[in-house]
């Protein structure tokens, strides 16, 4: 069943994951996309404020997107996103972390310019297995409505 705008009332949507992160994955992502020392070199990383090897925040965002896709976006009548409203990295992603995300719908409104669609805003909180918050993100997506032309 395809999820439409009407399937996203404000409130808790769900918890998704976990996604296990390995040292090799952190190194491979960093080598290709974010080659800063704290993501590539364990000794250099110990000298930073992170006090050890950590995954790129962009790696964490990619993992979060994958969990969102597998959890609900992959079966949603999504038309894309106008962007990310807010993104904060709060704690480092570490090798061996098992990451889960909690997803809440914070707002769902019919588009004024395209009433056949709605804009659903999600707050996503990524945590490691210890419950430590790694990242918070607020992002809208544009979703087809089941009943077009009605408010």
Protein backbone atom coordinates (compact mmCIF):
# COMPACT_ATOMS: atom_id res chain seq x y z
CA UNK A 1 0.00 0.00 0.00
CA UNK A 2 1.30 3.42 -0.96
CA UNK A 3 1.26 5.99 1.83
CA UNK A 4 -0.23 9.38 0.98
CA UNK A 5 -0.47 12.71 2.75
CA UNK A 6 -3.48 11.52 4.76
CA UNK A 7 -1.36 8.75 6.31
CA UNK A 8 0.87 11.27 8.13
CA UNK A 9 -1.06 12.99 10.92
CA UNK A 10 1.06 14.88 13.47
CA UNK A 11 2.55 12.62 16.14
CA UNK A 12 4.95 9.69 16.44
CA UNK A 13 5.46 7.88 13.16
CA UNK A 14 7.87 5.21 14.38
CA UNK A 15 11.33 3.98 15.24
CA UNK A 16 13.51 2.56 12.47
CA UNK A 17 16.79 0.70 12.30
CA UNK A 18 19.12 -0.30 13.71
CA UNK A 19 21.88 0.31 11.25
CA UNK A 20 25.28 -1.05 12.31
CA UNK A 21 28.29 1.13 11.46
CA UNK A 22 31.75 -0.38 11.05
CA UNK A 23 35.17 1.22 11.18
CA UNK A 24 35.74 0.25 7.55
CA UNK A 25 32.49 1.95 6.48
CA UNK A 26 33.47 5.13 8.33
CA UNK A 27 36.88 5.14 6.66
CA UNK A 28 35.48 4.40 3.19
CA UNK A 29 32.82 7.13 3.38
CA UNK A 30 35.33 9.66 4.68
CA UNK A 31 37.93 8.79 2.03
CA UNK A 32 35.41 9.44 -0.71
CA UNK A 33 33.28 12.27 0.65
CA UNK A 34 34.71 13.94 3.78
CA UNK A 35 38.46 13.29 4.11
CA UNK A 36 39.03 15.21 7.33
CA UNK A 37 41.57 13.68 9.76
CA UNK A 38 38.99 12.93 12.49
CA UNK A 39 37.22 10.65 10.00
CA UNK A 40 40.27 8.97 8.49
CA UNK A 41 43.14 8.79 10.97
CA UNK A 42 42.66 7.34 14.45
CA UNK A 43 45.74 9.03 15.93
CA UNK A 44 44.85 12.42 14.47
CA UNK A 45 41.25 11.93 15.63
CA UNK A 46 42.42 11.39 19.23
CA UNK A 47 43.95 14.87 19.13
CA UNK A 48 40.64 16.53 18.21
CA UNK A 49 37.74 17.52 20.44
CA UNK A 50 36.07 14.28 19.32
CA UNK A 51 38.76 12.26 21.14
CA UNK A 52 38.71 9.42 18.63
CA UNK A 53 37.71 8.24 15.18
CA UNK A 54 34.24 9.44 14.26
CA UNK A 55 32.05 9.15 11.22
CA UNK A 56 31.29 12.20 9.15
CA UNK A 57 28.03 13.94 9.95
CA UNK A 58 27.21 13.50 6.27
CA UNK A 59 27.72 9.75 6.70
CA UNK A 60 25.21 9.82 9.56
CA UNK A 61 22.77 11.77 7.37
CA UNK A 62 23.16 9.15 4.63
CA UNK A 63 22.45 6.34 7.10
CA UNK A 64 19.46 8.26 8.42
CA UNK A 65 18.09 8.72 4.90
CA UNK A 66 18.47 4.99 4.25
CA UNK A 67 16.56 4.11 7.41
CA UNK A 68 13.84 6.63 6.50
CA UNK A 69 13.60 5.16 3.01
CA UNK A 70 13.43 1.58 4.27
CA UNK A 71 11.00 2.54 7.05
CA UNK A 72 8.43 4.59 5.17
CA UNK A 73 9.61 6.85 2.32
CA UNK A 74 10.10 3.90 -0.03
CA UNK A 75 6.37 3.22 0.09
CA UNK A 76 5.24 6.84 0.21
CA UNK A 77 3.87 8.87 -2.71
CA UNK A 78 6.76 11.28 -2.17
CA UNK A 79 7.46 13.98 -4.72
CA UNK A 80 10.75 15.00 -3.11
CA UNK A 81 11.80 17.53 -0.53
CA UNK A 82 12.31 21.29 -0.68
CA UNK A 83 15.31 20.87 1.65
CA UNK A 84 16.26 20.43 5.27
CA UNK A 85 15.00 23.07 7.70
CA UNK A 86 17.31 22.16 10.56
CA UNK A 87 20.22 19.80 11.08
CA UNK A 88 22.35 19.45 14.20
CA UNK A 89 25.10 16.96 14.93
CA UNK A 90 25.19 16.50 18.70
CA UNK A 91 27.49 13.52 19.36
CA UNK A 92 29.99 11.67 17.21
CA UNK A 93 29.16 8.59 15.17
CA UNK A 94 31.59 5.88 16.30
CA UNK A 95 32.74 2.58 14.82
CA UNK A 96 30.51 -0.17 16.15
CA UNK A 97 27.50 2.07 16.72
CA UNK A 98 24.05 0.65 16.12
CA UNK A 99 22.00 3.65 15.02
CA UNK A 100 18.21 3.91 15.24
CA UNK A 101 15.98 6.84 14.35
CA UNK A 102 12.80 8.10 15.99
CA UNK A 103 10.55 9.91 13.53
CA UNK A 104 7.76 12.30 14.43
CA UNK A 105 5.44 14.20 12.13
CA UNK A 106 5.54 17.76 13.43
CA UNK A 107 3.28 19.31 10.81
CA UNK A 108 1.12 18.21 7.89
CA UNK A 109 -0.52 20.82 5.71
CA UNK A 110 -2.09 20.97 2.28
CA UNK A 111 0.00 22.89 -0.23
CA UNK A 112 -1.52 26.26 -1.09
CA UNK A 113 0.03 26.33 -4.56
CA UNK A 114 -0.56 22.64 -5.37
CA UNK A 115 -3.64 21.41 -3.46
CA UNK A 116 -3.22 17.90 -4.88
CA UNK A 117 -0.18 17.62 -2.59
CA UNK A 118 0.63 18.15 1.05
CA UNK A 119 3.79 19.08 2.90
CA UNK A 120 4.69 16.76 5.76
CA UNK A 121 7.41 17.92 8.13
CA UNK A 122 9.38 15.28 10.01
CA UNK A 123 11.60 15.57 13.05
CA UNK A 124 14.17 12.79 13.05
CA UNK A 125 16.37 11.96 16.04
CA UNK A 126 19.23 9.51 15.51
CA UNK A 127 20.58 7.65 18.54
CA UNK A 128 23.22 5.05 19.24
CA UNK A 129 22.43 1.86 21.18
CA UNK A 130 23.23 3.64 24.48
CA UNK A 131 20.48 6.16 23.71
CA UNK A 132 22.88 9.03 23.09
CA UNK A 133 21.48 11.52 20.56
CA UNK A 134 23.81 11.76 17.59
CA UNK A 135 21.80 13.99 15.31
CA UNK A 136 18.52 15.88 15.03
CA UNK A 137 16.97 16.87 11.73
CA UNK A 138 13.76 18.66 10.72
CA UNK A 139 12.80 18.18 7.11
CA UNK A 140 9.66 18.50 4.99
CA UNK A 141 8.67 16.25 2.10
CA UNK A 142 6.04 16.84 -0.52
CA UNK A 143 3.50 14.00 -0.64
CA UNK A 144 0.61 13.30 -3.02
CA UNK A 145 -2.85 13.50 -1.50
CA UNK A 146 -5.36 10.67 -1.80
CA UNK A 147 -8.27 13.06 -2.14
CA UNK A 148 -7.17 15.90 -4.38
CA UNK A 149 -8.87 19.25 -4.20
CA UNK A 150 -10.19 18.77 -0.63
CA UNK A 151 -8.92 20.49 2.48
